[in-house]
Amino acid sequence: METEKACSSCRESKPLSCFRKDKRYKLGVFGWCRYCANTYSRQDHAKRKKQIESGGVMIPLFKTCEKCNESKSKEEFYLSAHHSDGLRPRCKACHIRDTVEFRKKQRESSEAARKKQATWSRRGCLLANYGITIEQYDEMLEACSGVCEICGNPETWIGRERLAVDHDHKTGIVRGLLCASCNKALGGFKDDPKLLRSAAKYLEQRKAGP
């Protein structure tokens, strides 16, 4: 199987990866290498643009938009060095409308991809750190009514949308769902019930006021 081909323009033998794919040719790649094809395209574009700017291209006074199928004056079209008449095939109104719709779809697609990636990342994090699935987490969340199992409040920390999974650091057993504050407090007391009872006793004894 051939892995190289001579460019029809520069005559240099290059790997097939240096050519654009094109099924019309024997090896399935275009005759010119990417460098020669890109160079010619840039030079031709610059030449056409210069011709348009200097008046060397006969721009029609009116043109029919391929999108809305309406005949409009040349001022209603953007100039284009890629087209023989020097004008884009779609009028400015259709071009702007299509661009807005395209960018909206791109944002929606990117947002959907981000959410999907976040879901998979979260799924992997839950399995790797706590050995539970998203479905199991959701069941735990429903069981505690979406609030911390200690203070009874929803998550309030900025940047955190969900309750933290509380687990025994020695055994790895999941105990429940806590807000970030309570989860951090347990860690500060080393998950020791004796220390927590001592702290509670201390607060009750030293309580200010009558």
N, C-alpha and C. Protein backbone atom coordinates (compact mmCIF):
# COMPACT_ATOMS: atom_id res chain seq x y z
N MET A 1 0.84 -1.21 0.00
CA MET A 1 0.00 0.00 0.00
C MET A 1 0.87 1.25 0.00
N GLU A 2 0.59 2.16 -0.92
CA GLU A 2 1.39 3.37 -1.04
C GLU A 2 1.11 4.31 0.13
N THR A 3 2.19 4.89 0.65
CA THR A 3 2.07 5.82 1.78
C THR A 3 2.50 7.23 1.41
N GLU A 4 3.05 7.40 0.20
CA GLU A 4 3.51 8.71 -0.25
C GLU A 4 2.98 9.00 -1.65
N LYS A 5 3.01 10.29 -1.99
CA LYS A 5 2.55 10.71 -3.30
C LYS A 5 3.27 11.99 -3.69
N ALA A 6 3.53 12.17 -5.01
CA ALA A 6 4.18 13.38 -5.50
C ALA A 6 3.13 14.45 -5.76
N CYS A 7 3.34 15.63 -5.21
CA CYS A 7 2.41 16.73 -5.40
C CYS A 7 2.45 17.20 -6.85
N SER A 8 1.29 17.41 -7.45
CA SER A 8 1.21 17.83 -8.86
C SER A 8 1.69 19.25 -9.06
N SER A 9 1.84 20.01 -7.98
CA SER A 9 2.26 21.40 -8.10
C SER A 9 3.76 21.57 -7.83
N CYS A 10 4.18 21.18 -6.61
CA CYS A 10 5.60 21.36 -6.25
C CYS A 10 6.46 20.17 -6.63
N ARG A 11 5.83 19.05 -7.04
CA ARG A 11 6.50 17.83 -7.49
C ARG A 11 7.26 17.10 -6.38
N GLU A 12 7.07 17.51 -5.14
CA GLU A 12 7.75 16.85 -4.03
C GLU A 12 6.95 15.63 -3.57
N SER A 13 7.67 14.57 -3.20
CA SER A 13 7.02 13.37 -2.69
C SER A 13 6.75 13.56 -1.19
N LYS A 14 5.47 13.44 -0.79
CA LYS A 14 5.09 13.68 0.60
C LYS A 14 4.14 12.58 1.09
N PRO A 15 4.07 12.41 2.42
CA PRO A 15 3.13 11.42 2.99
C PRO A 15 1.69 11.77 2.60
N LEU A 16 0.83 10.76 2.50
CA LEU A 16 -0.56 10.99 2.11
C LEU A 16 -1.29 11.90 3.08
N SER A 17 -0.81 11.96 4.33
CA SER A 17 -1.43 12.82 5.33
C SER A 17 -1.26 14.30 4.99
N CYS A 18 -0.35 14.62 4.06
CA CYS A 18 -0.11 16.00 3.65
C CYS A 18 -1.06 16.45 2.55
N PHE A 19 -1.98 15.57 2.15
CA PHE A 19 -2.93 15.87 1.08
C PHE A 19 -4.35 15.82 1.63
N ARG A 20 -5.24 16.63 1.06
CA ARG A 20 -6.64 16.59 1.43
C ARG A 20 -7.29 15.32 0.84
N LYS A 21 -8.24 14.76 1.57
CA LYS A 21 -8.93 13.57 1.08
C LYS A 21 -9.83 13.94 -0.09
N ASP A 22 -9.79 13.13 -1.14
CA ASP A 22 -10.62 13.36 -2.32
C ASP A 22 -10.80 12.02 -3.03
N LYS A 23 -12.01 11.46 -2.99
CA LYS A 23 -12.29 10.14 -3.55
C LYS A 23 -12.19 10.10 -5.08
N ARG A 24 -12.13 11.27 -5.70
CA ARG A 24 -12.07 11.30 -7.16
C ARG A 24 -10.72 10.85 -7.69
N TYR A 25 -9.70 10.85 -6.84
CA TYR A 25 -8.36 10.50 -7.25
C TYR A 25 -7.99 9.08 -6.83
N LYS A 26 -6.99 8.52 -7.47
CA LYS A 26 -6.61 7.13 -7.31
C LYS A 26 -6.31 6.75 -5.87
N LEU A 27 -5.52 7.52 -5.20
CA LEU A 27 -5.14 7.20 -3.82
C LEU A 27 -6.09 7.78 -2.79
N GLY A 28 -7.17 8.39 -3.26
CA GLY A 28 -8.15 8.95 -2.34
C GLY A 28 -7.76 10.30 -1.77
N VAL A 29 -6.77 10.97 -2.38
CA VAL A 29 -6.34 12.29 -1.91
C VAL A 29 -6.21 13.23 -3.11
N PHE A 30 -6.30 14.53 -2.85
CA PHE A 30 -6.21 15.56 -3.89
C PHE A 30 -4.83 15.56 -4.52
N GLY A 31 -4.73 16.07 -5.74
CA GLY A 31 -3.46 16.07 -6.46
C GLY A 31 -2.42 16.99 -5.86
N TRP A 32 -2.83 18.12 -5.33
CA TRP A 32 -1.90 19.06 -4.71
C TRP A 32 -1.79 18.80 -3.21
N CYS A 33 -0.62 19.04 -2.65
CA CYS A 33 -0.45 18.92 -1.20
C CYS A 33 -1.19 20.08 -0.53
N ARG A 34 -1.41 19.94 0.77
CA ARG A 34 -2.14 20.98 1.49
C ARG A 34 -1.46 22.34 1.40
N TYR A 35 -0.12 22.36 1.47
CA TYR A 35 0.62 23.63 1.44
C TYR A 35 0.41 24.35 0.11
N CYS A 36 0.55 23.61 -0.99
CA CYS A 36 0.39 24.22 -2.32
C CYS A 36 -1.06 24.66 -2.55
N ALA A 37 -2.02 23.82 -2.11
CA ALA A 37 -3.43 24.15 -2.29
C ALA A 37 -3.80 25.40 -1.48
N ASN A 38 -3.32 25.48 -0.24
CA ASN A 38 -3.62 26.64 0.61
C ASN A 38 -2.95 27.90 0.06
N THR A 39 -1.71 27.75 -0.43
CA THR A 39 -0.99 28.90 -0.99
C THR A 39 -1.72 29.45 -2.21
N TYR A 40 -2.14 28.55 -3.10
CA TYR A 40 -2.87 28.98 -4.31
C TYR A 40 -4.18 29.64 -3.93
N SER A 41 -4.88 29.08 -2.95
CA SER A 41 -6.17 29.63 -2.53
C SER A 41 -6.00 31.04 -1.98
N ARG A 42 -4.97 31.24 -1.15
CA ARG A 42 -4.73 32.58 -0.59
C ARG A 42 -4.37 33.58 -1.68
N GLN A 43 -3.51 33.17 -2.59
CA GLN A 43 -3.09 34.07 -3.67
C GLN A 43 -4.26 34.41 -4.59
N ASP A 44 -5.09 33.40 -4.91
CA ASP A 44 -6.24 33.64 -5.78
C ASP A 44 -7.26 34.54 -5.10
N HIS A 45 -7.44 34.35 -3.79
CA HIS A 45 -8.38 35.18 -3.04
C HIS A 45 -7.90 36.63 -3.03
N ALA A 46 -6.61 36.82 -2.79
CA ALA A 46 -6.05 38.18 -2.76
C ALA A 46 -6.17 38.84 -4.13
N LYS A 47 -5.96 38.05 -5.19
CA LYS A 47 -6.06 38.58 -6.56
C LYS A 47 -7.49 39.00 -6.87
N ARG A 48 -8.45 38.14 -6.53
CA ARG A 48 -9.86 38.45 -6.78
C ARG A 48 -10.30 39.67 -5.97
N LYS A 49 -9.84 39.75 -4.71
CA LYS A 49 -10.21 40.88 -3.87
C LYS A 49 -9.68 42.18 -4.45
N LYS A 50 -8.45 42.15 -4.98
CA LYS A 50 -7.86 43.35 -5.59
C LYS A 50 -8.63 43.75 -6.84
N GLN A 51 -9.06 42.74 -7.60
CA GLN A 51 -9.82 43.04 -8.82
C GLN A 51 -11.16 43.69 -8.49
N ILE A 52 -11.81 43.19 -7.44
CA ILE A 52 -13.11 43.74 -7.03
C ILE A 52 -12.95 45.18 -6.57
N GLU A 53 -11.92 45.42 -5.74
CA GLU A 53 -11.70 46.75 -5.19
C GLU A 53 -11.31 47.76 -6.28
N SER A 54 -10.62 47.28 -7.32
CA SER A 54 -10.17 48.20 -8.39
C SER A 54 -11.20 48.33 -9.51
N GLY A 55 -12.32 47.59 -9.39
CA GLY A 55 -13.37 47.68 -10.40
C GLY A 55 -13.14 46.77 -11.58
N GLY A 56 -12.22 45.82 -11.44
CA GLY A 56 -11.91 44.91 -12.54
C GLY A 56 -12.93 43.81 -12.73
N VAL A 57 -13.84 43.65 -11.77
CA VAL A 57 -14.87 42.63 -11.86
C VAL A 57 -16.21 43.31 -12.11
N MET A 58 -16.94 42.83 -13.10
CA MET A 58 -18.24 43.41 -13.41
C MET A 58 -19.29 42.92 -12.41
N ILE A 59 -19.58 43.75 -11.43
CA ILE A 59 -20.56 43.39 -10.41
C ILE A 59 -21.95 43.77 -10.91
N PRO A 60 -22.89 42.83 -10.93
CA PRO A 60 -24.25 43.14 -11.43
C PRO A 60 -24.96 44.14 -10.53
N LEU A 61 -25.84 44.93 -11.13
CA LEU A 61 -26.60 45.91 -10.35
C LEU A 61 -27.63 45.23 -9.45
N PHE A 62 -28.15 44.09 -9.92
CA PHE A 62 -29.15 43.36 -9.14
C PHE A 62 -28.78 41.87 -9.10
N LYS A 63 -29.20 41.21 -8.03
CA LYS A 63 -28.93 39.78 -7.90
C LYS A 63 -30.04 39.13 -7.08
N THR A 64 -30.34 37.87 -7.41
CA THR A 64 -31.37 37.14 -6.67
C THR A 64 -30.73 36.35 -5.54
N CYS A 65 -31.20 36.59 -4.35
CA CYS A 65 -30.68 35.89 -3.17
C CYS A 65 -31.08 34.41 -3.24
N GLU A 66 -30.11 33.50 -3.00
CA GLU A 66 -30.40 32.07 -3.08
C GLU A 66 -31.23 31.58 -1.90
N LYS A 67 -31.34 32.39 -0.86
CA LYS A 67 -32.09 31.96 0.33
C LYS A 67 -33.54 32.44 0.28
N CYS A 68 -33.74 33.74 0.17
CA CYS A 68 -35.11 34.28 0.16
C CYS A 68 -35.69 34.38 -1.24
N ASN A 69 -34.81 34.16 -2.27
CA ASN A 69 -35.24 34.16 -3.67
C ASN A 69 -35.79 35.51 -4.11
N GLU A 70 -35.34 36.59 -3.47
CA GLU A 70 -35.77 37.93 -3.84
C GLU A 70 -34.65 38.63 -4.61
N SER A 71 -35.04 39.41 -5.64
CA SER A 71 -34.08 40.17 -6.42
C SER A 71 -33.79 41.49 -5.69
N LYS A 72 -32.51 41.72 -5.40
CA LYS A 72 -32.13 42.92 -4.65
C LYS A 72 -30.94 43.60 -5.30
N SER A 73 -30.74 44.85 -4.93
CA SER A 73 -29.63 45.62 -5.50
C SER A 73 -28.31 45.11 -4.93
N LYS A 74 -27.21 45.40 -5.60
CA LYS A 74 -25.90 44.90 -5.19
C LYS A 74 -25.50 45.39 -3.79
N GLU A 75 -26.08 46.55 -3.37
CA GLU A 75 -25.76 47.07 -2.04
C GLU A 75 -26.30 46.17 -0.93
N GLU A 76 -27.27 45.29 -1.28
CA GLU A 76 -27.88 44.39 -0.30
C GLU A 76 -27.08 43.10 -0.13
N PHE A 77 -25.92 43.01 -0.80
CA PHE A 77 -25.08 41.82 -0.72
C PHE A 77 -23.67 42.21 -0.27
N TYR A 78 -23.02 41.30 0.43
CA TYR A 78 -21.62 41.51 0.82
C TYR A 78 -20.73 41.16 -0.36
N LEU A 79 -19.60 41.86 -0.49
CA LEU A 79 -18.64 41.54 -1.53
C LEU A 79 -17.95 40.22 -1.20
N SER A 80 -17.59 39.48 -2.24
CA SER A 80 -16.92 38.19 -2.03
C SER A 80 -15.93 37.92 -3.16
N ALA A 81 -14.69 37.64 -2.78
CA ALA A 81 -13.67 37.33 -3.78
C ALA A 81 -13.76 35.87 -4.22
N HIS A 82 -14.62 35.09 -3.59
CA HIS A 82 -14.75 33.67 -3.92
C HIS A 82 -15.78 33.41 -5.01
N HIS A 83 -16.55 34.43 -5.40
CA HIS A 83 -17.62 34.23 -6.39
C HIS A 83 -17.35 35.07 -7.63
N SER A 84 -17.72 34.52 -8.77
CA SER A 84 -17.38 35.13 -10.05
C SER A 84 -17.97 36.53 -10.22
N ASP A 85 -19.17 36.77 -9.64
CA ASP A 85 -19.78 38.09 -9.80
C ASP A 85 -19.38 39.06 -8.70
N GLY A 86 -18.51 38.61 -7.78
CA GLY A 86 -18.01 39.48 -6.73
C GLY A 86 -18.96 39.70 -5.57
N LEU A 87 -20.07 38.95 -5.55
CA LEU A 87 -21.06 39.10 -4.49
C LEU A 87 -21.36 37.75 -3.85
N ARG A 88 -21.67 37.76 -2.56
CA ARG A 88 -22.07 36.53 -1.88
C ARG A 88 -23.45 36.09 -2.39
N PRO A 89 -23.73 34.80 -2.38
CA PRO A 89 -25.01 34.32 -2.92
C PRO A 89 -26.22 34.68 -2.08
N ARG A 90 -26.02 34.93 -0.78
CA ARG A 90 -27.14 35.32 0.09
C ARG A 90 -27.08 36.80 0.39
N CYS A 91 -28.23 37.43 0.48
CA CYS A 91 -28.28 38.85 0.79
C CYS A 91 -27.84 39.08 2.24
N LYS A 92 -27.60 40.33 2.60
CA LYS A 92 -27.12 40.66 3.93
C LYS A 92 -28.11 40.23 5.02
N ALA A 93 -29.40 40.44 4.77
CA ALA A 93 -30.43 40.11 5.76
C ALA A 93 -30.43 38.62 6.04
N CYS A 94 -30.40 37.81 4.98
CA CYS A 94 -30.41 36.35 5.15
C CYS A 94 -29.11 35.87 5.78
N HIS A 95 -28.01 36.49 5.38
CA HIS A 95 -26.71 36.10 5.93
C HIS A 95 -26.65 36.37 7.43
N ILE A 96 -27.13 37.53 7.84
CA ILE A 96 -27.12 37.88 9.27
C ILE A 96 -28.05 36.96 10.05
N ARG A 97 -29.24 36.72 9.51
CA ARG A 97 -30.20 35.83 10.17
C ARG A 97 -29.65 34.41 10.32
N ASP A 98 -29.02 33.90 9.26
CA ASP A 98 -28.45 32.56 9.31
C ASP A 98 -27.28 32.48 10.29
N THR A 99 -26.50 33.55 10.34
CA THR A 99 -25.36 33.58 11.26
C THR A 99 -25.82 33.56 12.71
N VAL A 100 -26.87 34.33 13.00
CA VAL A 100 -27.42 34.36 14.37
C VAL A 100 -27.96 32.99 14.76
N GLU A 101 -28.69 32.35 13.84
CA GLU A 101 -29.25 31.02 14.11
C GLU A 101 -28.14 29.98 14.29
N PHE A 102 -27.10 30.09 13.46
CA PHE A 102 -25.98 29.15 13.54
C PHE A 102 -25.26 29.28 14.87
N ARG A 103 -25.01 30.52 15.29
CA ARG A 103 -24.31 30.72 16.57
C ARG A 103 -25.16 30.27 17.75
N LYS A 104 -26.49 30.44 17.63
CA LYS A 104 -27.39 29.98 18.69
C LYS A 104 -27.33 28.46 18.81
N LYS A 105 -27.35 27.77 17.67
CA LYS A 105 -27.26 26.31 17.67
C LYS A 105 -25.92 25.85 18.22
N GLN A 106 -24.87 26.60 17.89
CA GLN A 106 -23.55 26.26 18.40
C GLN A 106 -23.50 26.37 19.92
N ARG A 107 -24.08 27.45 20.45
CA ARG A 107 -24.10 27.64 21.91
C ARG A 107 -24.90 26.52 22.58
N GLU A 108 -26.06 26.18 21.98
CA GLU A 108 -26.89 25.12 22.54
C GLU A 108 -26.17 23.78 22.48
N SER A 109 -25.47 23.53 21.38
CA SER A 109 -24.73 22.28 21.24
C SER A 109 -23.58 22.21 22.24
N SER A 110 -22.88 23.35 22.42
CA SER A 110 -21.77 23.39 23.36
C SER A 110 -22.26 23.20 24.79
N GLU A 111 -23.41 23.81 25.10
CA GLU A 111 -23.98 23.68 26.44
C GLU A 111 -24.41 22.24 26.70
N ALA A 112 -25.01 21.61 25.69
CA ALA A 112 -25.42 20.21 25.84
C ALA A 112 -24.21 19.31 26.03
N ALA A 113 -23.15 19.58 25.27
CA ALA A 113 -21.92 18.79 25.40
C ALA A 113 -21.29 18.99 26.77
N ARG A 114 -21.33 20.24 27.26
CA ARG A 114 -20.75 20.54 28.58
C ARG A 114 -21.52 19.81 29.68
N LYS A 115 -22.85 19.82 29.57
CA LYS A 115 -23.67 19.13 30.57
C LYS A 115 -23.43 17.63 30.53
N LYS A 116 -23.30 17.09 29.32
CA LYS A 116 -23.05 15.66 29.18
C LYS A 116 -21.70 15.30 29.78
N GLN A 117 -20.69 16.14 29.51
CA GLN A 117 -19.35 15.90 30.06
C GLN A 117 -19.37 16.00 31.58
N ALA A 118 -20.12 16.98 32.09
CA ALA A 118 -20.20 17.16 33.54
C ALA A 118 -20.88 15.95 34.19
N THR A 119 -21.90 15.42 33.50
CA THR A 119 -22.61 14.25 34.03
C THR A 119 -21.68 13.04 34.10
N TRP A 120 -20.93 12.82 33.02
CA TRP A 120 -20.01 11.70 33.00
C TRP A 120 -18.89 11.89 34.02
N SER A 121 -18.42 13.14 34.15
CA SER A 121 -17.37 13.43 35.13
C SER A 121 -17.88 13.18 36.54
N ARG A 122 -19.12 13.63 36.82
CA ARG A 122 -19.72 13.42 38.13
C ARG A 122 -19.95 11.95 38.40
N ARG A 123 -20.41 11.23 37.36
CA ARG A 123 -20.65 9.79 37.51
C ARG A 123 -19.35 9.08 37.88
N GLY A 124 -18.27 9.44 37.18
CA GLY A 124 -16.97 8.82 37.45
C GLY A 124 -16.45 9.18 38.84
N CYS A 125 -16.68 10.43 39.26
CA CYS A 125 -16.23 10.89 40.58
C CYS A 125 -16.96 10.14 41.69
N LEU A 126 -18.27 10.00 41.55
CA LEU A 126 -19.05 9.30 42.57
C LEU A 126 -18.62 7.84 42.69
N LEU A 127 -18.40 7.20 41.54
CA LEU A 127 -18.00 5.79 41.56
C LEU A 127 -16.60 5.62 42.12
N ALA A 128 -15.69 6.51 41.72
CA ALA A 128 -14.29 6.37 42.14
C ALA A 128 -14.10 6.70 43.63
N ASN A 129 -14.79 7.73 44.11
CA ASN A 129 -14.57 8.18 45.49
C ASN A 129 -15.48 7.52 46.52
N TYR A 130 -16.71 7.21 46.09
CA TYR A 130 -17.67 6.70 47.08
C TYR A 130 -18.31 5.36 46.70
N GLY A 131 -18.07 4.90 45.47
CA GLY A 131 -18.62 3.62 45.06
C GLY A 131 -20.12 3.63 44.84
N ILE A 132 -20.69 4.80 44.53
CA ILE A 132 -22.13 4.89 44.28
C ILE A 132 -22.38 5.50 42.91
N THR A 133 -23.58 5.26 42.39
CA THR A 133 -23.95 5.81 41.09
C THR A 133 -24.75 7.11 41.28
N ILE A 134 -24.99 7.82 40.18
CA ILE A 134 -25.79 9.03 40.23
C ILE A 134 -27.21 8.70 40.69
N GLU A 135 -27.72 7.55 40.22
CA GLU A 135 -29.06 7.14 40.61
C GLU A 135 -29.15 6.90 42.12
N GLN A 136 -28.12 6.29 42.69
CA GLN A 136 -28.10 6.05 44.14
C GLN A 136 -28.01 7.37 44.90
N TYR A 137 -27.22 8.30 44.36
CA TYR A 137 -27.11 9.62 44.99
C TYR A 137 -28.47 10.31 44.98
N ASP A 138 -29.17 10.24 43.84
CA ASP A 138 -30.48 10.87 43.73
C ASP A 138 -31.48 10.26 44.71
N GLU A 139 -31.38 8.95 44.91
CA GLU A 139 -32.27 8.29 45.88
C GLU A 139 -31.99 8.79 47.30
N MET A 140 -30.71 8.96 47.63
CA MET A 140 -30.33 9.49 48.94
C MET A 140 -30.82 10.92 49.10
N LEU A 141 -30.72 11.69 48.03
CA LEU A 141 -31.14 13.09 48.06
C LEU A 141 -32.65 13.19 48.29
N GLU A 142 -33.40 12.30 47.63
CA GLU A 142 -34.85 12.29 47.81
C GLU A 142 -35.22 11.86 49.23
N ALA A 143 -34.46 10.91 49.78
CA ALA A 143 -34.75 10.40 51.12
C ALA A 143 -34.55 11.48 52.19
N CYS A 144 -33.59 12.40 51.97
CA CYS A 144 -33.35 13.47 52.95
C CYS A 144 -34.02 14.77 52.54
N SER A 145 -34.90 14.70 51.54
CA SER A 145 -35.69 15.86 51.07
C SER A 145 -34.81 17.00 50.55
N GLY A 146 -33.61 16.66 50.09
CA GLY A 146 -32.73 17.66 49.48
C GLY A 146 -32.06 18.61 50.45
N VAL A 147 -32.05 18.27 51.76
CA VAL A 147 -31.40 19.14 52.74
C VAL A 147 -30.37 18.34 53.54
N CYS A 148 -29.47 19.06 54.18
CA CYS A 148 -28.42 18.45 54.99
C CYS A 148 -29.03 17.62 56.12
N GLU A 149 -28.46 16.44 56.34
CA GLU A 149 -29.01 15.55 57.35
C GLU A 149 -28.63 15.95 58.78
N ILE A 150 -27.83 17.00 58.91
CA ILE A 150 -27.48 17.50 60.25
C ILE A 150 -28.20 18.80 60.56
N CYS A 151 -27.98 19.81 59.72
CA CYS A 151 -28.57 21.12 60.00
C CYS A 151 -29.94 21.31 59.37
N GLY A 152 -30.30 20.46 58.41
CA GLY A 152 -31.61 20.56 57.78
C GLY A 152 -31.73 21.66 56.75
N ASN A 153 -30.60 22.20 56.31
CA ASN A 153 -30.61 23.29 55.32
C ASN A 153 -30.06 22.79 53.98
N PRO A 154 -30.47 23.42 52.89
CA PRO A 154 -29.89 23.06 51.58
C PRO A 154 -28.47 23.61 51.49
N GLU A 155 -27.76 23.19 50.46
CA GLU A 155 -26.40 23.68 50.27
C GLU A 155 -26.40 25.18 50.03
N THR A 156 -25.54 25.89 50.75
CA THR A 156 -25.50 27.35 50.65
C THR A 156 -24.14 27.88 50.19
N TRP A 157 -23.13 27.02 50.12
CA TRP A 157 -21.80 27.47 49.71
C TRP A 157 -21.82 27.89 48.24
N ILE A 158 -21.20 29.04 47.95
CA ILE A 158 -21.12 29.53 46.58
C ILE A 158 -20.22 28.59 45.77
N GLY A 159 -20.70 28.21 44.60
CA GLY A 159 -19.92 27.32 43.75
C GLY A 159 -20.26 25.85 43.94
N ARG A 160 -21.08 25.54 44.95
CA ARG A 160 -21.50 24.15 45.16
C ARG A 160 -23.00 24.05 44.92
N GLU A 161 -23.39 23.15 44.06
CA GLU A 161 -24.80 23.01 43.71
C GLU A 161 -25.46 21.84 44.43
N ARG A 162 -24.65 20.89 44.89
CA ARG A 162 -25.21 19.67 45.48
C ARG A 162 -24.63 19.42 46.87
N LEU A 163 -25.39 18.64 47.65
CA LEU A 163 -24.91 18.25 48.96
C LEU A 163 -23.72 17.31 48.82
N ALA A 164 -22.81 17.39 49.79
CA ALA A 164 -21.62 16.55 49.76
C ALA A 164 -21.94 15.15 50.27
N VAL A 165 -21.22 14.17 49.72
CA VAL A 165 -21.38 12.79 50.18
C VAL A 165 -20.48 12.59 51.41
N ASP A 166 -21.11 12.29 52.54
CA ASP A 166 -20.35 12.04 53.77
C ASP A 166 -20.05 10.54 53.89
N HIS A 167 -18.79 10.21 54.12
CA HIS A 167 -18.43 8.79 54.24
C HIS A 167 -17.36 8.61 55.32
N ASP A 168 -17.26 7.38 55.78
CA ASP A 168 -16.26 7.02 56.79
C ASP A 168 -14.92 6.88 56.09
N HIS A 169 -13.94 7.71 56.49
CA HIS A 169 -12.64 7.71 55.81
C HIS A 169 -11.85 6.43 56.07
N LYS A 170 -12.19 5.69 57.09
CA LYS A 170 -11.47 4.44 57.39
C LYS A 170 -12.06 3.26 56.62
N THR A 171 -13.39 3.17 56.62
CA THR A 171 -14.04 2.03 55.97
C THR A 171 -14.53 2.35 54.56
N GLY A 172 -14.70 3.64 54.26
CA GLY A 172 -15.21 4.05 52.96
C GLY A 172 -16.71 3.95 52.83
N ILE A 173 -17.40 3.55 53.91
CA ILE A 173 -18.85 3.40 53.88
C ILE A 173 -19.52 4.78 53.82
N VAL A 174 -20.46 4.94 52.89
CA VAL A 174 -21.20 6.20 52.75
C VAL A 174 -22.23 6.30 53.87
N ARG A 175 -22.24 7.46 54.56
CA ARG A 175 -23.16 7.64 55.68
C ARG A 175 -24.38 8.48 55.32
N GLY A 176 -24.22 9.44 54.46
CA GLY A 176 -25.36 10.28 54.10
C GLY A 176 -24.92 11.50 53.30
N LEU A 177 -25.81 12.49 53.20
CA LEU A 177 -25.53 13.72 52.45
C LEU A 177 -25.56 14.90 53.41
N LEU A 178 -24.51 15.70 53.35
CA LEU A 178 -24.39 16.87 54.23
C LEU A 178 -24.05 18.10 53.42
N CYS A 179 -24.36 19.26 53.98
CA CYS A 179 -23.92 20.50 53.35
C CYS A 179 -22.41 20.63 53.57
N ALA A 180 -21.77 21.50 52.83
CA ALA A 180 -20.32 21.63 52.92
C ALA A 180 -19.87 22.05 54.32
N SER A 181 -20.64 22.92 54.97
CA SER A 181 -20.26 23.39 56.31
C SER A 181 -20.26 22.25 57.32
N CYS A 182 -21.34 21.46 57.34
CA CYS A 182 -21.44 20.35 58.31
C CYS A 182 -20.42 19.26 57.98
N ASN A 183 -20.22 19.01 56.70
CA ASN A 183 -19.25 17.99 56.30
C ASN A 183 -17.84 18.39 56.72
N LYS A 184 -17.53 19.66 56.57
CA LYS A 184 -16.21 20.16 56.97
C LYS A 184 -16.08 20.15 58.50
N ALA A 185 -17.18 20.45 59.18
CA ALA A 185 -17.15 20.44 60.65
C ALA A 185 -16.87 19.04 61.19
N LEU A 186 -17.48 18.04 60.59
CA LEU A 186 -17.22 16.66 61.02
C LEU A 186 -15.76 16.30 60.82
N GLY A 187 -15.21 16.76 59.70
CA GLY A 187 -13.80 16.50 59.44
C GLY A 187 -12.92 17.19 60.46
N GLY A 188 -13.33 18.40 60.88
CA GLY A 188 -12.56 19.13 61.89
C GLY A 188 -12.55 18.42 63.23
N PHE A 189 -13.63 17.68 63.53
CA PHE A 189 -13.70 16.91 64.78
C PHE A 189 -13.26 15.45 64.57
N LYS A 190 -12.62 15.21 63.40
CA LYS A 190 -12.04 13.89 63.10
C LYS A 190 -13.08 12.77 63.14
N ASP A 191 -14.33 13.11 62.85
CA ASP A 191 -15.43 12.12 62.85
C ASP A 191 -15.55 11.38 64.18
N ASP A 192 -15.16 12.05 65.25
CA ASP A 192 -15.16 11.42 66.58
C ASP A 192 -16.39 11.86 67.37
N PRO A 193 -17.37 10.96 67.63
CA PRO A 193 -18.58 11.32 68.38
C PRO A 193 -18.26 11.86 69.77
N LYS A 194 -17.18 11.36 70.38
CA LYS A 194 -16.81 11.81 71.71
C LYS A 194 -16.43 13.29 71.70
N LEU A 195 -15.66 13.67 70.71
CA LEU A 195 -15.28 15.08 70.58
C LEU A 195 -16.50 15.96 70.30
N LEU A 196 -17.41 15.46 69.47
CA LEU A 196 -18.62 16.22 69.15
C LEU A 196 -19.50 16.40 70.38
N ARG A 197 -19.64 15.35 71.21
CA ARG A 197 -20.42 15.47 72.44
C ARG A 197 -19.75 16.44 73.41
N SER A 198 -18.44 16.39 73.45
CA SER A 198 -17.70 17.30 74.33
C SER A 198 -17.88 18.75 73.88
N ALA A 199 -17.89 18.94 72.56
CA ALA A 199 -18.08 20.29 72.02
C ALA A 199 -19.48 20.80 72.34
N ALA A 200 -20.47 19.90 72.21
CA ALA A 200 -21.85 20.28 72.52
C ALA A 200 -22.00 20.63 74.00
N LYS A 201 -21.38 19.85 74.85
CA LYS A 201 -21.43 20.10 76.30
C LYS A 201 -20.78 21.43 76.63
N TYR A 202 -19.65 21.68 75.97
CA TYR A 202 -18.93 22.94 76.17
C TYR A 202 -19.81 24.14 75.81
N LEU A 203 -20.47 24.06 74.66
CA LEU A 203 -21.32 25.17 74.21
C LEU A 203 -22.52 25.37 75.14
N GLU A 204 -23.08 24.28 75.62
CA GLU A 204 -24.23 24.40 76.52
C GLU A 204 -23.84 25.00 77.85
N GLN A 205 -22.66 24.66 78.37
CA GLN A 205 -22.19 25.17 79.64
C GLN A 205 -21.77 26.63 79.56
N ARG A 206 -21.19 26.98 78.40
CA ARG A 206 -20.69 28.35 78.23
C ARG A 206 -21.65 29.24 77.47
N LYS A 207 -22.89 28.82 77.38
CA LYS A 207 -23.87 29.60 76.62
C LYS A 207 -24.06 30.98 77.25
N ALA A 208 -23.97 32.00 76.41
CA ALA A 208 -24.09 33.36 76.90
C ALA A 208 -25.55 33.71 77.14
N GLY A 209 -25.79 34.63 78.07
CA GLY A 209 -27.14 35.09 78.34
C GLY A 209 -27.77 34.32 79.48
N PRO A 210 -29.01 34.64 79.85
CA PRO A 210 -29.70 34.02 80.98
C PRO A 210 -30.02 32.55 80.72
